[in-house]
N, C-alpha and C. Protein backbone atom coordinates (compact mmCIF):
# COMPACT_ATOMS: atom_id res chain seq x y z
N MET A 1 -5.91 -8.65 7.71
CA MET A 1 -5.78 -7.23 7.57
C MET A 1 -6.36 -6.81 6.23
N ARG A 2 -6.97 -5.66 6.20
CA ARG A 2 -7.58 -5.12 4.98
C ARG A 2 -6.57 -4.20 4.29
N LEU A 3 -6.17 -4.60 3.07
CA LEU A 3 -5.14 -3.87 2.33
C LEU A 3 -5.71 -3.31 1.04
N LEU A 4 -5.27 -2.10 0.71
CA LEU A 4 -5.65 -1.47 -0.55
C LEU A 4 -4.40 -1.30 -1.40
N LEU A 5 -4.43 -1.84 -2.63
CA LEU A 5 -3.32 -1.71 -3.55
C LEU A 5 -3.52 -0.48 -4.43
N ASP A 6 -2.50 0.34 -4.49
CA ASP A 6 -2.50 1.52 -5.36
C ASP A 6 -2.57 1.06 -6.82
N GLU A 7 -2.95 1.97 -7.69
CA GLU A 7 -3.06 1.66 -9.12
C GLU A 7 -1.73 1.21 -9.71
N SER A 8 -0.63 1.64 -9.12
CA SER A 8 0.70 1.32 -9.64
C SER A 8 1.22 -0.04 -9.18
N VAL A 9 0.49 -0.73 -8.32
CA VAL A 9 0.90 -2.03 -7.80
C VAL A 9 0.16 -3.11 -8.60
N PRO A 10 0.90 -4.11 -9.12
CA PRO A 10 0.23 -5.16 -9.90
C PRO A 10 -0.84 -5.90 -9.08
N VAL A 11 -1.99 -6.08 -9.66
CA VAL A 11 -3.11 -6.76 -9.00
C VAL A 11 -2.71 -8.17 -8.56
N ARG A 12 -1.87 -8.82 -9.34
CA ARG A 12 -1.48 -10.21 -9.04
C ARG A 12 -0.67 -10.33 -7.75
N LEU A 13 -0.21 -9.22 -7.18
CA LEU A 13 0.51 -9.28 -5.90
C LEU A 13 -0.39 -9.84 -4.81
N ARG A 14 -1.68 -9.65 -4.95
CA ARG A 14 -2.62 -10.12 -3.92
C ARG A 14 -2.53 -11.64 -3.72
N ARG A 15 -2.16 -12.38 -4.75
CA ARG A 15 -2.03 -13.84 -4.62
C ARG A 15 -0.95 -14.21 -3.61
N SER A 16 -0.01 -13.33 -3.39
CA SER A 16 1.08 -13.58 -2.44
C SER A 16 0.73 -13.13 -1.04
N LEU A 17 -0.49 -12.63 -0.85
CA LEU A 17 -0.95 -12.15 0.45
C LEU A 17 -2.27 -12.82 0.82
N PRO A 18 -2.30 -14.16 0.82
CA PRO A 18 -3.57 -14.88 0.99
C PRO A 18 -4.23 -14.71 2.35
N SER A 19 -3.48 -14.34 3.36
CA SER A 19 -4.08 -14.20 4.69
C SER A 19 -4.70 -12.82 4.92
N HIS A 20 -4.72 -12.00 3.87
CA HIS A 20 -5.25 -10.64 3.98
C HIS A 20 -6.40 -10.44 2.99
N SER A 21 -7.24 -9.50 3.30
CA SER A 21 -8.29 -9.08 2.38
C SER A 21 -7.71 -7.95 1.54
N VAL A 22 -7.51 -8.20 0.26
CA VAL A 22 -6.82 -7.24 -0.60
C VAL A 22 -7.75 -6.77 -1.72
N LYS A 23 -7.88 -5.47 -1.84
CA LYS A 23 -8.65 -4.85 -2.92
C LYS A 23 -7.74 -3.86 -3.64
N THR A 24 -8.15 -3.45 -4.81
CA THR A 24 -7.39 -2.45 -5.57
C THR A 24 -8.18 -1.14 -5.61
N VAL A 25 -7.46 -0.08 -5.89
CA VAL A 25 -8.08 1.23 -6.03
C VAL A 25 -9.15 1.18 -7.12
N VAL A 26 -8.84 0.52 -8.22
CA VAL A 26 -9.79 0.44 -9.34
C VAL A 26 -11.03 -0.35 -8.93
N GLU A 27 -10.86 -1.47 -8.24
CA GLU A 27 -12.01 -2.26 -7.78
C GLU A 27 -12.94 -1.45 -6.90
N MET A 28 -12.36 -0.55 -6.12
CA MET A 28 -13.15 0.28 -5.22
C MET A 28 -13.83 1.43 -5.95
N GLY A 29 -13.49 1.62 -7.23
CA GLY A 29 -14.06 2.72 -8.01
C GLY A 29 -13.38 4.05 -7.74
N TRP A 30 -12.14 3.99 -7.25
CA TRP A 30 -11.41 5.20 -6.88
C TRP A 30 -10.27 5.52 -7.85
N GLY A 31 -10.29 4.93 -9.02
CA GLY A 31 -9.25 5.19 -10.01
C GLY A 31 -9.18 6.67 -10.33
N GLY A 32 -7.97 7.21 -10.36
CA GLY A 32 -7.77 8.61 -10.69
C GLY A 32 -7.92 9.57 -9.53
N VAL A 33 -8.34 9.09 -8.36
CA VAL A 33 -8.48 9.96 -7.19
C VAL A 33 -7.08 10.31 -6.69
N LYS A 34 -6.84 11.57 -6.40
CA LYS A 34 -5.51 12.02 -5.96
C LYS A 34 -5.19 11.50 -4.56
N ASN A 35 -3.90 11.43 -4.25
CA ASN A 35 -3.42 10.77 -3.03
C ASN A 35 -4.09 11.23 -1.73
N GLY A 36 -4.20 12.52 -1.49
CA GLY A 36 -4.81 12.97 -0.24
C GLY A 36 -6.23 12.49 -0.08
N ALA A 37 -7.03 12.68 -1.11
CA ALA A 37 -8.43 12.23 -1.08
C ALA A 37 -8.50 10.71 -1.06
N LEU A 38 -7.60 10.05 -1.77
CA LEU A 38 -7.58 8.60 -1.81
C LEU A 38 -7.27 8.02 -0.43
N LEU A 39 -6.31 8.59 0.27
CA LEU A 39 -5.97 8.10 1.61
C LEU A 39 -7.13 8.31 2.58
N ALA A 40 -7.83 9.41 2.43
CA ALA A 40 -9.00 9.67 3.29
C ALA A 40 -10.10 8.64 3.04
N LEU A 41 -10.35 8.32 1.77
CA LEU A 41 -11.34 7.29 1.43
C LEU A 41 -10.89 5.92 1.96
N ALA A 42 -9.64 5.60 1.73
CA ALA A 42 -9.10 4.30 2.13
C ALA A 42 -9.16 4.10 3.64
N ALA A 43 -8.94 5.15 4.39
CA ALA A 43 -8.92 5.06 5.86
C ALA A 43 -10.25 4.57 6.43
N LYS A 44 -11.32 4.79 5.70
CA LYS A 44 -12.65 4.38 6.17
C LYS A 44 -12.88 2.88 6.05
N GLU A 45 -12.11 2.20 5.16
CA GLU A 45 -12.38 0.79 4.89
C GLU A 45 -11.17 -0.14 4.97
N PHE A 46 -9.96 0.43 5.09
CA PHE A 46 -8.75 -0.39 5.03
C PHE A 46 -7.81 -0.07 6.18
N ASP A 47 -6.93 -1.05 6.46
CA ASP A 47 -5.92 -0.88 7.50
C ASP A 47 -4.63 -0.30 6.94
N ALA A 48 -4.34 -0.60 5.66
CA ALA A 48 -3.09 -0.13 5.07
C ALA A 48 -3.26 0.09 3.57
N PHE A 49 -2.47 1.03 3.07
CA PHE A 49 -2.43 1.37 1.65
C PHE A 49 -1.04 1.01 1.15
N LEU A 50 -0.96 0.14 0.13
CA LEU A 50 0.31 -0.29 -0.44
C LEU A 50 0.53 0.41 -1.77
N THR A 51 1.71 1.00 -1.92
CA THR A 51 2.05 1.73 -3.13
C THR A 51 3.52 1.52 -3.47
N VAL A 52 3.88 1.85 -4.69
CA VAL A 52 5.28 1.89 -5.08
C VAL A 52 5.71 3.33 -5.34
N ASP A 53 4.83 4.26 -5.05
CA ASP A 53 5.08 5.69 -5.26
C ASP A 53 6.03 6.22 -4.19
N LYS A 54 7.32 6.30 -4.55
CA LYS A 54 8.34 6.75 -3.60
C LYS A 54 8.22 8.24 -3.27
N ASN A 55 7.45 8.97 -4.05
CA ASN A 55 7.26 10.40 -3.80
C ASN A 55 6.13 10.70 -2.82
N LEU A 56 5.32 9.71 -2.51
CA LEU A 56 4.16 9.92 -1.65
C LEU A 56 4.51 10.63 -0.34
N PRO A 57 5.59 10.24 0.37
CA PRO A 57 5.88 10.92 1.64
C PRO A 57 6.24 12.39 1.46
N TYR A 58 6.65 12.77 0.25
CA TYR A 58 6.99 14.16 -0.01
C TYR A 58 5.75 14.95 -0.46
N GLN A 59 4.71 14.23 -0.86
CA GLN A 59 3.48 14.86 -1.32
C GLN A 59 2.45 14.97 -0.21
N GLN A 60 2.59 14.12 0.81
CA GLN A 60 1.62 14.09 1.91
C GLN A 60 2.34 14.32 3.23
N ASN A 61 1.67 14.92 4.17
CA ASN A 61 2.22 15.10 5.50
C ASN A 61 2.07 13.77 6.24
N VAL A 62 3.17 13.03 6.35
CA VAL A 62 3.08 11.69 6.93
C VAL A 62 2.66 11.73 8.39
N ALA A 63 2.85 12.86 9.06
CA ALA A 63 2.43 12.97 10.46
C ALA A 63 0.90 12.97 10.59
N ASN A 64 0.22 13.32 9.51
CA ASN A 64 -1.25 13.40 9.54
C ASN A 64 -1.92 12.32 8.70
N LEU A 65 -1.22 11.23 8.43
CA LEU A 65 -1.81 10.18 7.61
C LEU A 65 -3.03 9.58 8.30
N PRO A 66 -4.13 9.41 7.57
CA PRO A 66 -5.32 8.82 8.17
C PRO A 66 -5.28 7.28 8.15
N ILE A 67 -4.25 6.70 7.54
CA ILE A 67 -4.15 5.25 7.36
C ILE A 67 -2.68 4.89 7.31
N ALA A 68 -2.34 3.66 7.63
CA ALA A 68 -0.95 3.21 7.48
C ALA A 68 -0.63 3.13 5.99
N VAL A 69 0.54 3.66 5.61
CA VAL A 69 0.98 3.65 4.22
C VAL A 69 2.29 2.87 4.14
N ILE A 70 2.33 1.93 3.20
CA ILE A 70 3.53 1.14 2.99
C ILE A 70 4.01 1.36 1.56
N VAL A 71 5.24 1.84 1.43
CA VAL A 71 5.85 2.02 0.12
C VAL A 71 6.74 0.82 -0.14
N LEU A 72 6.45 0.11 -1.20
CA LEU A 72 7.26 -1.03 -1.62
C LEU A 72 8.39 -0.50 -2.49
N GLU A 73 9.62 -0.65 -2.03
CA GLU A 73 10.77 -0.11 -2.74
C GLU A 73 11.48 -1.20 -3.52
N ALA A 74 11.36 -1.14 -4.82
CA ALA A 74 12.00 -2.10 -5.72
C ALA A 74 12.47 -1.33 -6.95
N TYR A 75 13.27 -1.99 -7.78
CA TYR A 75 13.79 -1.34 -8.98
C TYR A 75 12.72 -1.13 -10.04
N SER A 76 11.58 -1.78 -9.85
CA SER A 76 10.47 -1.69 -10.81
C SER A 76 9.16 -1.99 -10.08
N ASN A 77 8.06 -1.61 -10.68
CA ASN A 77 6.77 -1.96 -10.09
C ASN A 77 6.20 -3.23 -10.71
N GLU A 78 7.01 -3.96 -11.46
CA GLU A 78 6.56 -5.22 -12.03
C GLU A 78 6.51 -6.28 -10.94
N LEU A 79 5.62 -7.24 -11.12
CA LEU A 79 5.40 -8.28 -10.12
C LEU A 79 6.70 -8.99 -9.74
N GLY A 80 7.52 -9.33 -10.71
CA GLY A 80 8.77 -10.02 -10.44
C GLY A 80 9.70 -9.25 -9.52
N ALA A 81 9.65 -7.94 -9.57
CA ALA A 81 10.48 -7.10 -8.71
C ALA A 81 9.89 -6.97 -7.31
N LEU A 82 8.58 -7.11 -7.19
CA LEU A 82 7.91 -6.94 -5.90
C LEU A 82 7.81 -8.23 -5.09
N LEU A 83 7.77 -9.37 -5.75
CA LEU A 83 7.62 -10.64 -5.04
C LEU A 83 8.71 -10.88 -3.98
N PRO A 84 9.97 -10.51 -4.23
CA PRO A 84 10.99 -10.71 -3.19
C PRO A 84 10.74 -9.87 -1.93
N LEU A 85 9.86 -8.89 -2.00
CA LEU A 85 9.56 -8.03 -0.85
C LEU A 85 8.46 -8.60 0.04
N VAL A 86 7.77 -9.65 -0.40
CA VAL A 86 6.61 -10.15 0.31
C VAL A 86 6.94 -10.57 1.74
N HIS A 87 8.06 -11.24 1.94
CA HIS A 87 8.43 -11.66 3.30
C HIS A 87 8.58 -10.46 4.22
N ASN A 88 9.31 -9.44 3.77
CA ASN A 88 9.48 -8.23 4.58
C ASN A 88 8.16 -7.47 4.75
N LEU A 89 7.33 -7.52 3.73
CA LEU A 89 6.01 -6.89 3.81
C LEU A 89 5.17 -7.57 4.89
N GLU A 90 5.17 -8.87 4.90
CA GLU A 90 4.40 -9.61 5.92
C GLU A 90 4.90 -9.27 7.32
N GLN A 91 6.20 -9.15 7.49
CA GLN A 91 6.74 -8.77 8.80
C GLN A 91 6.28 -7.37 9.18
N ALA A 92 6.30 -6.44 8.23
CA ALA A 92 5.85 -5.08 8.51
C ALA A 92 4.37 -5.06 8.87
N LEU A 93 3.58 -5.85 8.17
CA LEU A 93 2.15 -5.90 8.45
C LEU A 93 1.89 -6.47 9.84
N GLY A 94 2.73 -7.39 10.28
CA GLY A 94 2.56 -7.99 11.60
C GLY A 94 2.78 -7.01 12.74
N ASN A 95 3.53 -5.94 12.47
CA ASN A 95 3.84 -4.92 13.49
C ASN A 95 3.22 -3.57 13.16
N LEU A 96 2.30 -3.56 12.24
CA LEU A 96 1.76 -2.30 11.72
C LEU A 96 0.95 -1.53 12.76
N GLN A 97 1.21 -0.26 12.82
CA GLN A 97 0.45 0.65 13.66
C GLN A 97 -0.38 1.56 12.74
N PRO A 98 -1.59 1.93 13.16
CA PRO A 98 -2.40 2.84 12.35
C PRO A 98 -1.70 4.18 12.15
N CYS A 99 -1.98 4.81 11.04
CA CYS A 99 -1.51 6.17 10.76
C CYS A 99 0.02 6.27 10.78
N THR A 100 0.69 5.27 10.19
CA THR A 100 2.15 5.31 10.10
C THR A 100 2.58 5.18 8.66
N PHE A 101 3.87 5.45 8.44
CA PHE A 101 4.47 5.35 7.12
C PHE A 101 5.66 4.41 7.22
N ILE A 102 5.69 3.41 6.34
CA ILE A 102 6.75 2.41 6.36
C ILE A 102 7.27 2.20 4.94
N ARG A 103 8.58 2.06 4.84
CA ARG A 103 9.19 1.66 3.56
C ARG A 103 9.59 0.20 3.69
N VAL A 104 9.25 -0.60 2.68
CA VAL A 104 9.62 -2.02 2.67
C VAL A 104 10.47 -2.28 1.45
N GLY A 105 11.69 -2.73 1.70
CA GLY A 105 12.60 -3.09 0.63
C GLY A 105 13.13 -4.48 0.87
N ALA A 106 13.98 -4.94 -0.03
CA ALA A 106 14.56 -6.28 0.10
C ALA A 106 15.58 -6.33 1.21
């Protein structure tokens, strides 16, 4: 699966997702692009957008998402706080439907 990591997600999380093609917003040259435009760009090249931005569903109309969005819910966006979510994230990715919104927590 092709995954895009938001700027707020540590790049090193990709090491825990070896069976996926993982890129970052910065690697794609999309740093600073606002969420609506970013999701539209991401939809052209990725299957899912991973973020820790818990406000995203309140900023975007989730019914009209152009790409699957996964919010990683942890007490921090540091790698140590996100690693325990990898198992649940992999399960969510296994059942992922396009243009959906999912919250993944411990």
